[in-house]
Amino acid sequence: MENNPKTNITLIERNSNGVLNELLDYNIHFGITTNEVTHKNINCVKLMSRSLSIVYSEKHKFQKYNAISITDFDGETLIQSIRGSQLNEIINKEIAKNQVSIGSTINVEALETALELVRHNIGIAILPTPYVRNLNEDYILYYELDGYEYLKNDMNIIFHKNRYLPQAVHDFIDKAHNSKLLVCQQNIRQFL
């Protein structure tokens, strides 16, 4: 808003497929998504990779552990993103690779829903570390999976190759791409 005070902005929240559909229907100028999009009419620029953390209630047995790994998930209820999301795919590959037997799975669309279920000790979740690091929540604990280089959640900016984009949108995309968005949320706030 500081750079473009007269710009009207509408933020629409969708899953990655929803963002792609909105772009293809020319309903939005650009999207930020965790899934890498490969489509002949869409440009996809990787902005950053975020580490992931295991998130659990203060009442969960993990609060007594000094270290937590995927192999500790045996028998646990796993709260995770809906199928088709990058986060879901990353976690499921890791679980299969380690031959972990999950007790049950709850698929959710919103991170807030996952946190609410964790808060009530219904299960555990794996979420992007920057998201949980900023929680001021005594009832929710997390353990960063920083030793797992392959357990990363990417952030991408996507935009239509053939759509006219206002200069403010070009400026944002250029700034995001050139800076590699050290912290994606900070640049979004600067743009707004």
N, C-alpha and C. Protein backbone atom coordinates (compact mmCIF):
# COMPACT_ATOMS: atom_id res chain seq x y z
N MET A 1 0.83 -1.20 0.00
CA MET A 1 0.00 0.00 0.00
C MET A 1 0.87 1.25 0.00
N GLU A 2 2.04 1.15 0.66
CA GLU A 2 2.95 2.29 0.69
C GLU A 2 3.45 2.63 -0.72
N ASN A 3 3.77 1.61 -1.50
CA ASN A 3 4.26 1.84 -2.86
C ASN A 3 3.15 2.15 -3.84
N ASN A 4 1.95 1.66 -3.58
CA ASN A 4 0.82 1.83 -4.50
C ASN A 4 -0.44 2.17 -3.70
N PRO A 5 -0.51 3.40 -3.15
CA PRO A 5 -1.59 3.74 -2.22
C PRO A 5 -3.00 3.70 -2.81
N LYS A 6 -3.14 3.80 -4.12
CA LYS A 6 -4.48 3.82 -4.72
C LYS A 6 -4.87 2.47 -5.31
N THR A 7 -4.09 1.46 -5.02
CA THR A 7 -4.38 0.12 -5.55
C THR A 7 -5.42 -0.57 -4.68
N ASN A 8 -6.43 -1.14 -5.32
CA ASN A 8 -7.42 -1.96 -4.63
C ASN A 8 -6.96 -3.41 -4.68
N ILE A 9 -6.95 -4.07 -3.53
CA ILE A 9 -6.44 -5.43 -3.46
C ILE A 9 -7.51 -6.34 -2.87
N THR A 10 -7.67 -7.49 -3.49
CA THR A 10 -8.54 -8.53 -2.96
C THR A 10 -7.69 -9.78 -2.77
N LEU A 11 -7.67 -10.30 -1.56
CA LEU A 11 -6.95 -11.55 -1.27
C LEU A 11 -7.94 -12.68 -1.26
N ILE A 12 -7.67 -13.70 -2.04
CA ILE A 12 -8.54 -14.88 -2.13
C ILE A 12 -7.73 -16.08 -1.67
N GLU A 13 -8.26 -16.85 -0.74
CA GLU A 13 -7.55 -18.03 -0.27
C GLU A 13 -8.14 -19.28 -0.90
N ARG A 14 -7.28 -20.05 -1.55
CA ARG A 14 -7.67 -21.29 -2.21
C ARG A 14 -6.55 -22.30 -2.02
N ASN A 15 -6.86 -23.58 -2.25
CA ASN A 15 -5.78 -24.56 -2.31
C ASN A 15 -5.06 -24.37 -3.65
N SER A 16 -3.98 -25.09 -3.86
CA SER A 16 -3.14 -24.87 -5.05
C SER A 16 -3.91 -25.05 -6.35
N ASN A 17 -4.78 -26.07 -6.42
CA ASN A 17 -5.58 -26.26 -7.63
C ASN A 17 -6.56 -25.12 -7.83
N GLY A 18 -7.11 -24.61 -6.74
CA GLY A 18 -8.02 -23.48 -6.82
C GLY A 18 -7.33 -22.23 -7.32
N VAL A 19 -6.10 -22.01 -6.85
CA VAL A 19 -5.32 -20.85 -7.31
C VAL A 19 -5.06 -20.97 -8.81
N LEU A 20 -4.65 -22.15 -9.26
CA LEU A 20 -4.40 -22.36 -10.69
C LEU A 20 -5.66 -22.10 -11.50
N ASN A 21 -6.79 -22.62 -11.06
CA ASN A 21 -8.05 -22.39 -11.78
C ASN A 21 -8.42 -20.92 -11.84
N GLU A 22 -8.20 -20.20 -10.74
CA GLU A 22 -8.49 -18.75 -10.73
C GLU A 22 -7.61 -18.03 -11.74
N LEU A 23 -6.35 -18.44 -11.86
CA LEU A 23 -5.44 -17.83 -12.84
C LEU A 23 -5.90 -18.14 -14.26
N LEU A 24 -6.22 -19.40 -14.51
CA LEU A 24 -6.63 -19.81 -15.85
C LEU A 24 -7.94 -19.14 -16.27
N ASP A 25 -8.78 -18.82 -15.30
CA ASP A 25 -10.04 -18.14 -15.59
C ASP A 25 -9.89 -16.62 -15.59
N TYR A 26 -8.65 -16.13 -15.43
CA TYR A 26 -8.33 -14.70 -15.41
C TYR A 26 -9.03 -13.95 -14.27
N ASN A 27 -9.26 -14.62 -13.16
CA ASN A 27 -9.91 -13.99 -12.01
C ASN A 27 -8.92 -13.31 -11.07
N ILE A 28 -7.64 -13.71 -11.15
CA ILE A 28 -6.62 -13.12 -10.30
C ILE A 28 -5.39 -12.79 -11.14
N HIS A 29 -4.57 -11.86 -10.63
CA HIS A 29 -3.36 -11.47 -11.35
C HIS A 29 -2.20 -12.42 -11.09
N PHE A 30 -2.08 -12.92 -9.87
CA PHE A 30 -1.03 -13.87 -9.53
C PHE A 30 -1.47 -14.65 -8.30
N GLY A 31 -0.76 -15.74 -8.04
CA GLY A 31 -1.06 -16.55 -6.86
C GLY A 31 0.23 -16.96 -6.18
N ILE A 32 0.12 -17.27 -4.91
CA ILE A 32 1.23 -17.83 -4.16
C ILE A 32 0.78 -19.21 -3.72
N THR A 33 1.57 -20.21 -4.06
CA THR A 33 1.17 -21.59 -3.84
C THR A 33 2.35 -22.43 -3.40
N THR A 34 2.06 -23.51 -2.73
CA THR A 34 3.13 -24.42 -2.32
C THR A 34 3.40 -25.47 -3.38
N ASN A 35 2.48 -25.72 -4.26
CA ASN A 35 2.71 -26.71 -5.32
C ASN A 35 3.41 -26.05 -6.50
N GLU A 36 4.40 -26.75 -7.06
CA GLU A 36 5.01 -26.27 -8.30
C GLU A 36 4.02 -26.52 -9.42
N VAL A 37 3.74 -25.48 -10.18
CA VAL A 37 2.74 -25.58 -11.24
C VAL A 37 3.44 -25.69 -12.58
N THR A 38 3.12 -26.74 -13.32
CA THR A 38 3.62 -26.89 -14.68
C THR A 38 2.43 -26.86 -15.61
N HIS A 39 2.27 -25.75 -16.29
CA HIS A 39 1.17 -25.55 -17.22
C HIS A 39 1.68 -24.66 -18.34
N LYS A 40 1.31 -24.95 -19.56
CA LYS A 40 1.84 -24.21 -20.71
C LYS A 40 1.54 -22.71 -20.65
N ASN A 41 0.49 -22.30 -19.96
CA ASN A 41 0.12 -20.88 -19.90
C ASN A 41 0.52 -20.18 -18.60
N ILE A 42 1.22 -20.89 -17.73
CA ILE A 42 1.52 -20.34 -16.40
C ILE A 42 3.02 -20.29 -16.16
N ASN A 43 3.50 -19.17 -15.66
CA ASN A 43 4.87 -19.04 -15.16
C ASN A 43 4.86 -19.38 -13.68
N CYS A 44 5.85 -20.16 -13.26
CA CYS A 44 5.98 -20.54 -11.85
C CYS A 44 7.39 -20.21 -11.41
N VAL A 45 7.52 -19.36 -10.39
CA VAL A 45 8.82 -18.96 -9.88
C VAL A 45 8.93 -19.38 -8.42
N LYS A 46 9.93 -20.20 -8.13
CA LYS A 46 10.15 -20.63 -6.74
C LYS A 46 10.69 -19.45 -5.94
N LEU A 47 10.03 -19.17 -4.84
CA LEU A 47 10.43 -18.06 -4.00
C LEU A 47 11.32 -18.49 -2.85
N MET A 48 10.95 -19.60 -2.22
CA MET A 48 11.71 -20.04 -1.05
C MET A 48 11.30 -21.45 -0.67
N SER A 49 12.12 -22.08 0.16
CA SER A 49 11.78 -23.35 0.78
C SER A 49 11.71 -23.13 2.28
N ARG A 50 10.70 -23.70 2.89
CA ARG A 50 10.53 -23.55 4.33
C ARG A 50 10.71 -24.90 5.00
N SER A 51 11.40 -24.90 6.15
CA SER A 51 11.53 -26.15 6.90
C SER A 51 10.18 -26.50 7.51
N LEU A 52 10.06 -27.75 7.91
CA LEU A 52 8.81 -28.23 8.50
C LEU A 52 9.03 -28.59 9.96
N SER A 53 7.95 -28.55 10.72
CA SER A 53 8.00 -28.90 12.14
C SER A 53 6.86 -29.83 12.50
N ILE A 54 7.15 -30.72 13.44
CA ILE A 54 6.11 -31.56 14.03
C ILE A 54 5.42 -30.71 15.10
N VAL A 55 4.11 -30.64 15.03
CA VAL A 55 3.33 -29.81 15.95
C VAL A 55 2.45 -30.73 16.78
N TYR A 56 2.44 -30.49 18.10
CA TYR A 56 1.69 -31.37 19.00
C TYR A 56 1.24 -30.59 20.23
N SER A 57 0.27 -31.15 20.91
CA SER A 57 -0.28 -30.53 22.12
C SER A 57 0.68 -30.69 23.29
N GLU A 58 0.60 -29.77 24.21
CA GLU A 58 1.41 -29.88 25.43
C GLU A 58 1.05 -31.13 26.23
N LYS A 59 -0.12 -31.71 25.95
CA LYS A 59 -0.57 -32.93 26.64
C LYS A 59 -0.09 -34.20 25.95
N HIS A 60 0.49 -34.06 24.77
CA HIS A 60 0.92 -35.22 23.98
C HIS A 60 2.21 -35.80 24.56
N LYS A 61 2.42 -37.09 24.35
CA LYS A 61 3.62 -37.76 24.87
C LYS A 61 4.90 -37.17 24.30
N PHE A 62 4.85 -36.53 23.11
CA PHE A 62 6.04 -35.95 22.51
C PHE A 62 6.66 -34.85 23.38
N GLN A 63 5.87 -34.24 24.25
CA GLN A 63 6.41 -33.15 25.07
C GLN A 63 7.49 -33.65 26.02
N LYS A 64 7.58 -34.97 26.22
CA LYS A 64 8.63 -35.55 27.08
C LYS A 64 9.86 -35.97 26.27
N TYR A 65 9.79 -35.91 24.93
CA TYR A 65 10.89 -36.36 24.08
C TYR A 65 11.92 -35.25 23.91
N ASN A 66 13.18 -35.64 23.87
CA ASN A 66 14.25 -34.68 23.56
C ASN A 66 14.38 -34.46 22.05
N ALA A 67 14.07 -35.49 21.28
CA ALA A 67 14.12 -35.41 19.82
C ALA A 67 12.97 -36.25 19.28
N ILE A 68 12.44 -35.82 18.13
CA ILE A 68 11.30 -36.51 17.51
C ILE A 68 11.67 -36.76 16.05
N SER A 69 11.30 -37.95 15.57
CA SER A 69 11.51 -38.26 14.15
C SER A 69 10.23 -38.86 13.59
N ILE A 70 10.21 -39.02 12.29
CA ILE A 70 9.06 -39.60 11.60
C ILE A 70 8.75 -40.99 12.14
N THR A 71 9.76 -41.74 12.53
CA THR A 71 9.54 -43.10 13.02
C THR A 71 8.76 -43.11 14.35
N ASP A 72 8.69 -41.99 15.03
CA ASP A 72 7.91 -41.90 16.27
C ASP A 72 6.41 -41.77 16.00
N PHE A 73 6.02 -41.69 14.74
CA PHE A 73 4.61 -41.49 14.36
C PHE A 73 3.79 -42.78 14.39
N ASP A 74 4.42 -43.93 14.62
CA ASP A 74 3.70 -45.20 14.64
C ASP A 74 2.48 -45.10 15.56
N GLY A 75 1.31 -45.43 15.01
CA GLY A 75 0.08 -45.45 15.79
C GLY A 75 -0.55 -44.10 16.03
N GLU A 76 0.08 -43.01 15.60
CA GLU A 76 -0.43 -41.66 15.85
C GLU A 76 -1.54 -41.29 14.87
N THR A 77 -2.38 -40.36 15.29
CA THR A 77 -3.34 -39.73 14.39
C THR A 77 -2.62 -38.55 13.76
N LEU A 78 -2.54 -38.55 12.43
CA LEU A 78 -1.82 -37.52 11.70
C LEU A 78 -2.83 -36.56 11.07
N ILE A 79 -2.69 -35.30 11.41
CA ILE A 79 -3.52 -34.24 10.82
C ILE A 79 -2.68 -33.62 9.72
N GLN A 80 -3.18 -33.66 8.49
CA GLN A 80 -2.37 -33.15 7.39
C GLN A 80 -3.21 -32.47 6.33
N SER A 81 -2.52 -31.81 5.41
CA SER A 81 -3.17 -31.11 4.31
C SER A 81 -3.91 -32.10 3.42
N ILE A 82 -4.86 -31.58 2.68
CA ILE A 82 -5.64 -32.43 1.79
C ILE A 82 -4.75 -33.04 0.71
N ARG A 83 -5.21 -34.16 0.17
CA ARG A 83 -4.47 -34.85 -0.89
C ARG A 83 -4.25 -33.92 -2.07
N GLY A 84 -3.09 -34.07 -2.69
CA GLY A 84 -2.75 -33.24 -3.84
C GLY A 84 -1.87 -32.06 -3.47
N SER A 85 -1.80 -31.74 -2.20
CA SER A 85 -0.93 -30.62 -1.80
C SER A 85 0.50 -31.12 -1.68
N GLN A 86 1.44 -30.20 -1.89
CA GLN A 86 2.86 -30.56 -1.78
C GLN A 86 3.17 -31.10 -0.39
N LEU A 87 2.62 -30.46 0.63
CA LEU A 87 2.88 -30.88 2.01
C LEU A 87 2.41 -32.30 2.25
N ASN A 88 1.23 -32.64 1.77
CA ASN A 88 0.69 -33.99 1.90
C ASN A 88 1.61 -35.00 1.21
N GLU A 89 2.05 -34.69 0.01
CA GLU A 89 2.91 -35.61 -0.75
C GLU A 89 4.25 -35.82 -0.05
N ILE A 90 4.86 -34.74 0.44
CA ILE A 90 6.15 -34.83 1.13
C ILE A 90 6.04 -35.75 2.34
N ILE A 91 5.02 -35.52 3.15
CA ILE A 91 4.85 -36.28 4.39
C ILE A 91 4.55 -37.75 4.09
N ASN A 92 3.66 -38.01 3.15
CA ASN A 92 3.32 -39.39 2.83
C ASN A 92 4.49 -40.17 2.26
N LYS A 93 5.34 -39.52 1.45
CA LYS A 93 6.54 -40.19 0.93
C LYS A 93 7.47 -40.57 2.08
N GLU A 94 7.64 -39.65 3.02
CA GLU A 94 8.54 -39.90 4.15
C GLU A 94 8.00 -41.02 5.04
N ILE A 95 6.70 -41.03 5.26
CA ILE A 95 6.08 -42.08 6.07
C ILE A 95 6.24 -43.44 5.40
N ALA A 96 6.01 -43.49 4.09
CA ALA A 96 6.16 -44.75 3.36
C ALA A 96 7.62 -45.20 3.35
N LYS A 97 8.54 -44.27 3.16
CA LYS A 97 9.97 -44.60 3.12
C LYS A 97 10.44 -45.21 4.44
N ASN A 98 9.90 -44.70 5.54
CA ASN A 98 10.30 -45.19 6.87
C ASN A 98 9.40 -46.31 7.38
N GLN A 99 8.46 -46.75 6.55
CA GLN A 99 7.53 -47.83 6.89
C GLN A 99 6.83 -47.57 8.22
N VAL A 100 6.34 -46.34 8.36
CA VAL A 100 5.62 -45.95 9.57
C VAL A 100 4.15 -46.31 9.40
N SER A 101 3.56 -46.85 10.44
CA SER A 101 2.15 -47.23 10.42
C SER A 101 1.34 -46.18 11.19
N ILE A 102 0.72 -45.28 10.44
CA ILE A 102 -0.10 -44.23 11.05
C ILE A 102 -1.39 -44.85 11.56
N GLY A 103 -1.83 -44.42 12.75
CA GLY A 103 -3.08 -44.94 13.31
C GLY A 103 -4.28 -44.50 12.49
N SER A 104 -4.41 -43.20 12.27
CA SER A 104 -5.48 -42.65 11.43
C SER A 104 -5.02 -41.30 10.89
N THR A 105 -5.74 -40.82 9.89
CA THR A 105 -5.39 -39.55 9.25
C THR A 105 -6.61 -38.66 9.19
N ILE A 106 -6.40 -37.39 9.48
CA ILE A 106 -7.43 -36.37 9.31
C ILE A 106 -6.88 -35.36 8.32
N ASN A 107 -7.52 -35.25 7.15
CA ASN A 107 -7.09 -34.30 6.13
C ASN A 107 -7.88 -33.00 6.28
N VAL A 108 -7.15 -31.88 6.32
CA VAL A 108 -7.77 -30.57 6.48
C VAL A 108 -7.30 -29.64 5.38
N GLU A 109 -8.07 -28.61 5.12
CA GLU A 109 -7.70 -27.65 4.08
C GLU A 109 -6.96 -26.46 4.66
N ALA A 110 -7.27 -26.06 5.88
CA ALA A 110 -6.67 -24.86 6.46
C ALA A 110 -5.73 -25.21 7.61
N LEU A 111 -4.61 -24.49 7.68
CA LEU A 111 -3.65 -24.70 8.76
C LEU A 111 -4.29 -24.42 10.12
N GLU A 112 -5.18 -23.45 10.16
CA GLU A 112 -5.84 -23.10 11.42
C GLU A 112 -6.65 -24.28 11.95
N THR A 113 -7.27 -25.04 11.05
CA THR A 113 -8.03 -26.22 11.46
C THR A 113 -7.09 -27.26 12.04
N ALA A 114 -5.94 -27.46 11.40
CA ALA A 114 -4.95 -28.41 11.92
C ALA A 114 -4.52 -28.00 13.32
N LEU A 115 -4.25 -26.72 13.51
CA LEU A 115 -3.83 -26.23 14.84
C LEU A 115 -4.91 -26.43 15.88
N GLU A 116 -6.14 -26.21 15.51
CA GLU A 116 -7.24 -26.39 16.46
C GLU A 116 -7.35 -27.85 16.89
N LEU A 117 -7.19 -28.77 15.97
CA LEU A 117 -7.23 -30.19 16.30
C LEU A 117 -6.03 -30.58 17.18
N VAL A 118 -4.86 -30.03 16.87
CA VAL A 118 -3.67 -30.28 17.70
C VAL A 118 -3.89 -29.71 19.09
N ARG A 119 -4.44 -28.51 19.17
CA ARG A 119 -4.69 -27.85 20.45
C ARG A 119 -5.51 -28.75 21.38
N HIS A 120 -6.44 -29.51 20.81
CA HIS A 120 -7.30 -30.40 21.59
C HIS A 120 -6.72 -31.82 21.69
N ASN A 121 -5.47 -31.97 21.30
CA ASN A 121 -4.75 -33.23 21.41
C ASN A 121 -5.44 -34.38 20.64
N ILE A 122 -6.01 -34.03 19.50
CA ILE A 122 -6.68 -35.03 18.67
C ILE A 122 -5.66 -35.76 17.80
N GLY A 123 -4.54 -35.10 17.54
CA GLY A 123 -3.49 -35.71 16.73
C GLY A 123 -2.29 -34.78 16.64
N ILE A 124 -1.36 -35.16 15.79
CA ILE A 124 -0.16 -34.36 15.55
C ILE A 124 -0.18 -33.89 14.10
N ALA A 125 0.59 -32.86 13.79
CA ALA A 125 0.64 -32.34 12.43
C ALA A 125 2.07 -32.00 12.07
N ILE A 126 2.33 -31.93 10.78
CA ILE A 126 3.60 -31.39 10.28
C ILE A 126 3.23 -30.14 9.49
N LEU A 127 3.76 -29.00 9.93
CA LEU A 127 3.41 -27.72 9.34
C LEU A 127 4.68 -26.92 9.06
N PRO A 128 4.58 -25.91 8.17
CA PRO A 128 5.75 -25.06 7.91
C PRO A 128 6.23 -24.37 9.18
N THR A 129 7.53 -24.45 9.43
CA THR A 129 8.12 -23.89 10.64
C THR A 129 7.83 -22.40 10.83
N PRO A 130 7.95 -21.56 9.78
CA PRO A 130 7.68 -20.13 10.01
C PRO A 130 6.26 -19.89 10.53
N TYR A 131 5.33 -20.72 10.12
CA TYR A 131 3.94 -20.57 10.56
C TYR A 131 3.80 -20.85 12.05
N VAL A 132 4.42 -21.93 12.53
CA VAL A 132 4.27 -22.30 13.95
C VAL A 132 5.23 -21.54 14.85
N ARG A 133 6.34 -21.09 14.29
CA ARG A 133 7.32 -20.35 15.09
C ARG A 133 6.72 -19.06 15.64
N ASN A 134 5.79 -18.49 14.93
CA ASN A 134 5.20 -17.21 15.33
C ASN A 134 3.96 -17.35 16.20
N LEU A 135 3.62 -18.58 16.56
CA LEU A 135 2.46 -18.78 17.42
C LEU A 135 2.79 -18.36 18.85
N ASN A 136 1.91 -17.64 19.47
CA ASN A 136 2.04 -17.33 20.89
C ASN A 136 1.03 -18.20 21.62
N GLU A 137 1.36 -19.45 21.69
CA GLU A 137 0.41 -20.45 22.15
C GLU A 137 1.12 -21.36 23.14
N ASP A 138 0.68 -21.34 24.39
CA ASP A 138 1.29 -22.19 25.41
C ASP A 138 0.89 -23.66 25.26
N TYR A 139 -0.22 -23.91 24.60
CA TYR A 139 -0.78 -25.27 24.54
C TYR A 139 -0.27 -26.06 23.35
N ILE A 140 0.41 -25.38 22.41
CA ILE A 140 0.89 -26.05 21.21
C ILE A 140 2.42 -25.97 21.18
N LEU A 141 3.07 -27.13 21.03
CA LEU A 141 4.53 -27.20 20.98
C LEU A 141 4.94 -27.67 19.59
N TYR A 142 6.20 -27.41 19.23
CA TYR A 142 6.67 -27.89 17.93
C TYR A 142 8.13 -28.29 18.02
N TYR A 143 8.50 -29.18 17.11
CA TYR A 143 9.88 -29.66 17.00
C TYR A 143 10.28 -29.54 15.54
N GLU A 144 11.26 -28.69 15.26
CA GLU A 144 11.67 -28.44 13.88
C GLU A 144 12.45 -29.62 13.32
N LEU A 145 12.08 -30.02 12.12
CA LEU A 145 12.74 -31.13 11.43
C LEU A 145 13.88 -30.57 10.57
N ASP A 146 14.81 -29.87 11.21
CA ASP A 146 15.87 -29.20 10.45
C ASP A 146 16.93 -30.15 9.94
N GLY A 147 17.01 -31.33 10.44
CA GLY A 147 17.98 -32.30 9.96
C GLY A 147 17.53 -33.03 8.71
N TYR A 148 16.31 -32.78 8.27
CA TYR A 148 15.73 -33.45 7.10
C TYR A 148 15.73 -32.47 5.94
N GLU A 149 16.82 -32.43 5.19
CA GLU A 149 16.95 -31.46 4.10
C GLU A 149 15.86 -31.62 3.04
N TYR A 150 15.38 -32.84 2.85
CA TYR A 150 14.38 -33.11 1.83
C TYR A 150 12.95 -32.83 2.33
N LEU A 151 12.77 -32.59 3.62
CA LEU A 151 11.45 -32.25 4.15
C LEU A 151 11.31 -30.73 4.17
N LYS A 152 11.09 -30.16 2.99
CA LYS A 152 10.94 -28.73 2.83
C LYS A 152 9.63 -28.45 2.09
N ASN A 153 9.04 -27.32 2.42
CA ASN A 153 7.80 -26.89 1.80
C ASN A 153 8.12 -25.65 0.97
N ASP A 154 7.95 -25.75 -0.35
CA ASP A 154 8.28 -24.64 -1.23
C ASP A 154 7.15 -23.62 -1.31
N MET A 155 7.53 -22.39 -1.56
CA MET A 155 6.58 -21.32 -1.85
C MET A 155 6.89 -20.84 -3.26
N ASN A 156 5.86 -20.75 -4.10
CA ASN A 156 6.02 -20.33 -5.49
C ASN A 156 5.05 -19.21 -5.80
N ILE A 157 5.45 -18.34 -6.70
CA ILE A 157 4.53 -17.33 -7.21
C ILE A 157 4.18 -17.76 -8.63
N ILE A 158 2.90 -17.75 -8.97
CA ILE A 158 2.46 -18.17 -10.29
C ILE A 158 1.65 -17.05 -10.93
N PHE A 159 1.81 -16.90 -12.25
CA PHE A 159 1.05 -15.88 -12.97
C PHE A 159 0.88 -16.33 -14.42
N HIS A 160 -0.15 -15.81 -15.04
CA HIS A 160 -0.51 -16.20 -16.40
C HIS A 160 0.45 -15.55 -17.39
N LYS A 161 0.96 -16.35 -18.32
CA LYS A 161 1.91 -15.83 -19.32
C LYS A 161 1.26 -14.84 -20.27
N ASN A 162 -0.02 -15.01 -20.55
CA ASN A 162 -0.68 -14.23 -21.60
C ASN A 162 -1.62 -13.15 -21.08
N ARG A 163 -1.54 -12.85 -19.80
CA ARG A 163 -2.46 -11.85 -19.24
C ARG A 163 -1.74 -10.53 -19.03
N TYR A 164 -2.44 -9.44 -19.33
CA TYR A 164 -1.91 -8.12 -19.01
C TYR A 164 -1.88 -7.99 -17.49
N LEU A 165 -0.76 -7.54 -16.97
CA LEU A 165 -0.62 -7.32 -15.54
C LEU A 165 -0.32 -5.85 -15.27
N PRO A 166 -1.01 -5.24 -14.32
CA PRO A 166 -0.70 -3.85 -13.96
C PRO A 166 0.76 -3.73 -13.50
N GLN A 167 1.30 -2.53 -13.63
CA GLN A 167 2.70 -2.31 -13.27
C GLN A 167 2.98 -2.68 -11.81
N ALA A 168 2.03 -2.42 -10.91
CA ALA A 168 2.22 -2.77 -9.49
C ALA A 168 2.42 -4.27 -9.32
N VAL A 169 1.73 -5.07 -10.11
CA VAL A 169 1.88 -6.53 -10.03
C VAL A 169 3.24 -6.94 -10.59
N HIS A 170 3.63 -6.36 -11.73
CA HIS A 170 4.97 -6.63 -12.27
C HIS A 170 6.05 -6.28 -11.25
N ASP A 171 5.89 -5.12 -10.62
CA ASP A 171 6.88 -4.69 -9.61
C ASP A 171 6.97 -5.69 -8.47
N PHE A 172 5.82 -6.17 -8.00
CA PHE A 172 5.82 -7.14 -6.91
C PHE A 172 6.49 -8.45 -7.33
N ILE A 173 6.13 -8.95 -8.51
CA ILE A 173 6.72 -10.21 -8.99
C ILE A 173 8.23 -10.06 -9.16
N ASP A 174 8.65 -8.92 -9.76
CA ASP A 174 10.09 -8.70 -9.93
C ASP A 174 10.81 -8.62 -8.60
N LYS A 175 10.22 -7.90 -7.66
CA LYS A 175 10.84 -7.77 -6.34
C LYS A 175 10.91 -9.13 -5.65
N ALA A 176 9.83 -9.90 -5.75
CA ALA A 176 9.81 -11.23 -5.13
C ALA A 176 10.85 -12.14 -5.76
N HIS A 177 10.92 -12.13 -7.07
CA HIS A 177 11.86 -12.99 -7.77
C HIS A 177 13.31 -12.58 -7.51
N ASN A 178 13.59 -11.31 -7.56
CA ASN A 178 14.96 -10.84 -7.38
C ASN A 178 15.47 -11.02 -5.96
N SER A 179 14.60 -10.87 -4.99
CA SER A 179 15.04 -11.01 -3.60
C SER A 179 14.93 -12.45 -3.11
N LYS A 180 14.29 -13.32 -3.92
CA LYS A 180 14.01 -14.71 -3.55
C LYS A 180 13.15 -14.78 -2.30
N LEU A 181 12.51 -13.68 -1.97
CA LEU A 181 11.60 -13.61 -0.82
C LEU A 181 12.18 -14.28 0.41
N LEU A 182 13.11 -13.62 1.02
CA LEU A 182 13.72 -14.18 2.23
C LEU A 182 12.66 -14.56 3.24
N VAL A 183 11.67 -13.71 3.37
CA VAL A 183 10.50 -14.08 4.16
C VAL A 183 9.30 -13.66 3.33
N CYS A 184 8.61 -14.63 2.77
CA CYS A 184 7.52 -14.36 1.83
C CYS A 184 6.47 -13.44 2.43
N GLN A 185 6.09 -13.68 3.67
CA GLN A 185 5.03 -12.90 4.28
C GLN A 185 5.41 -11.43 4.42
N GLN A 186 6.69 -11.12 4.67
CA GLN A 186 7.11 -9.73 4.81
C GLN A 186 6.92 -8.98 3.51
N ASN A 187 7.30 -9.57 2.38
CA ASN A 187 7.15 -8.88 1.10
C ASN A 187 5.68 -8.72 0.71
N ILE A 188 4.86 -9.69 1.07
CA ILE A 188 3.43 -9.56 0.78
C ILE A 188 2.89 -8.36 1.56
N ARG A 189 3.27 -8.26 2.83
CA ARG A 189 2.82 -7.13 3.64
C ARG A 189 3.33 -5.81 3.08
N GLN A 190 4.57 -5.79 2.56
CA GLN A 190 5.12 -4.57 1.97
C GLN A 190 4.32 -4.18 0.74
N PHE A 191 3.95 -5.17 -0.06
CA PHE A 191 3.18 -4.88 -1.27
C PHE A 191 1.81 -4.35 -0.93
N LEU A 192 1.18 -4.92 0.11
CA LEU A 192 -0.16 -4.50 0.50
C LEU A 192 -0.09 -3.16 1.17
